[in-house]
Protein backbone atom coordinates (compact mmCIF):
# COMPACT_ATOMS: atom_id res chain seq x y z
CA MET A 1 -92.34 44.01 -36.98
CA SER A 2 -92.95 46.51 -39.73
CA ASP A 3 -94.57 48.96 -37.31
CA VAL A 4 -91.62 48.75 -34.90
CA LEU A 5 -89.12 49.17 -37.73
CA GLY A 6 -91.09 51.95 -39.38
CA VAL A 7 -91.18 50.22 -42.77
CA GLY A 8 -93.90 48.85 -45.02
CA ARG A 9 -95.12 45.30 -44.43
CA TRP A 10 -93.79 44.30 -47.86
CA GLU A 11 -90.26 45.09 -46.64
CA VAL A 12 -90.36 42.44 -43.90
CA VAL A 13 -89.91 39.14 -45.72
CA ALA A 14 -88.51 35.73 -44.85
CA GLU A 15 -84.94 36.90 -45.53
CA THR A 16 -85.21 40.09 -43.45
CA GLY A 17 -82.55 40.55 -40.81
CA LEU A 18 -80.36 43.08 -39.07
CA ASP A 19 -78.12 43.26 -42.12
CA ARG A 20 -80.98 43.97 -44.55
CA LEU A 21 -82.89 46.84 -42.95
CA GLU A 22 -81.18 50.07 -42.00
CA ASN A 23 -83.92 50.80 -39.44
CA TRP A 24 -83.21 47.57 -37.53
CA ASP A 25 -80.85 48.91 -34.88
CA SER A 26 -80.21 47.67 -31.33
CA SER A 27 -83.02 49.73 -29.83
CA ARG A 28 -85.57 48.47 -32.33
CA HIS A 29 -84.26 44.94 -31.91
CA ILE A 30 -85.20 45.10 -28.22
CA GLN A 31 -88.61 46.53 -29.15
CA ILE A 32 -89.20 43.61 -31.53
CA ILE A 33 -88.18 41.12 -28.83
CA VAL A 34 -90.54 42.72 -26.30
CA ARG A 35 -93.39 42.66 -28.82
CA LEU A 36 -92.78 38.97 -29.58
CA GLN A 37 -92.78 38.17 -25.86
CA GLU A 38 -96.10 39.97 -25.45
CA VAL A 39 -97.78 38.44 -28.50
CA PHE A 40 -96.58 34.86 -27.97
CA HIS A 41 -96.56 34.91 -24.13
CA VAL A 42 -92.97 33.70 -23.91
CA SER A 43 -89.72 35.05 -22.50
CA PHE A 44 -86.30 34.89 -24.07
CA SER A 45 -82.87 34.42 -22.57
CA VAL A 46 -80.07 36.79 -23.52
CA ALA A 47 -78.57 34.05 -25.70
CA GLU A 48 -81.89 33.59 -27.53
CA MET A 49 -82.21 37.35 -28.05
CA LYS A 50 -78.75 37.46 -29.60
CA ARG A 51 -79.67 34.58 -31.94
CA MET A 52 -82.81 36.38 -33.13
CA SER A 53 -81.12 38.60 -35.71
CA SER A 54 -83.41 37.68 -38.62
CA VAL A 55 -86.96 36.62 -39.30
CA PRO A 56 -85.94 32.95 -39.81
CA ALA A 57 -83.95 32.99 -36.56
CA MET A 58 -86.91 34.45 -34.68
CA TYR A 59 -89.19 31.78 -36.09
CA THR A 60 -86.71 29.08 -35.03
CA VAL A 61 -86.55 30.34 -31.44
CA LEU A 62 -90.35 30.68 -31.26
CA ARG A 63 -90.73 27.14 -32.64
CA GLU A 64 -88.25 25.79 -30.05
CA LYS A 65 -90.42 27.37 -27.35
CA GLY A 66 -93.55 25.77 -28.80
CA ALA A 67 -95.06 29.17 -29.61
CA VAL A 68 -95.46 28.42 -33.34
CA ALA A 69 -95.84 25.25 -35.36
């Protein structure tokens, strides 16, 4: 995520979300979603993409899909 957002890795923490990083705009949000789909070999519905507005929310959706433990 840090490479897509153009920030240091230390800036992407468990609490990171749309409201915490200025660089996390709608375009970068889509880029993050695409990267997650590629890395975890999953696809997301529009509703899931809308839910994924923070690191914890992304983890939850990936866990629901069985992509992470």
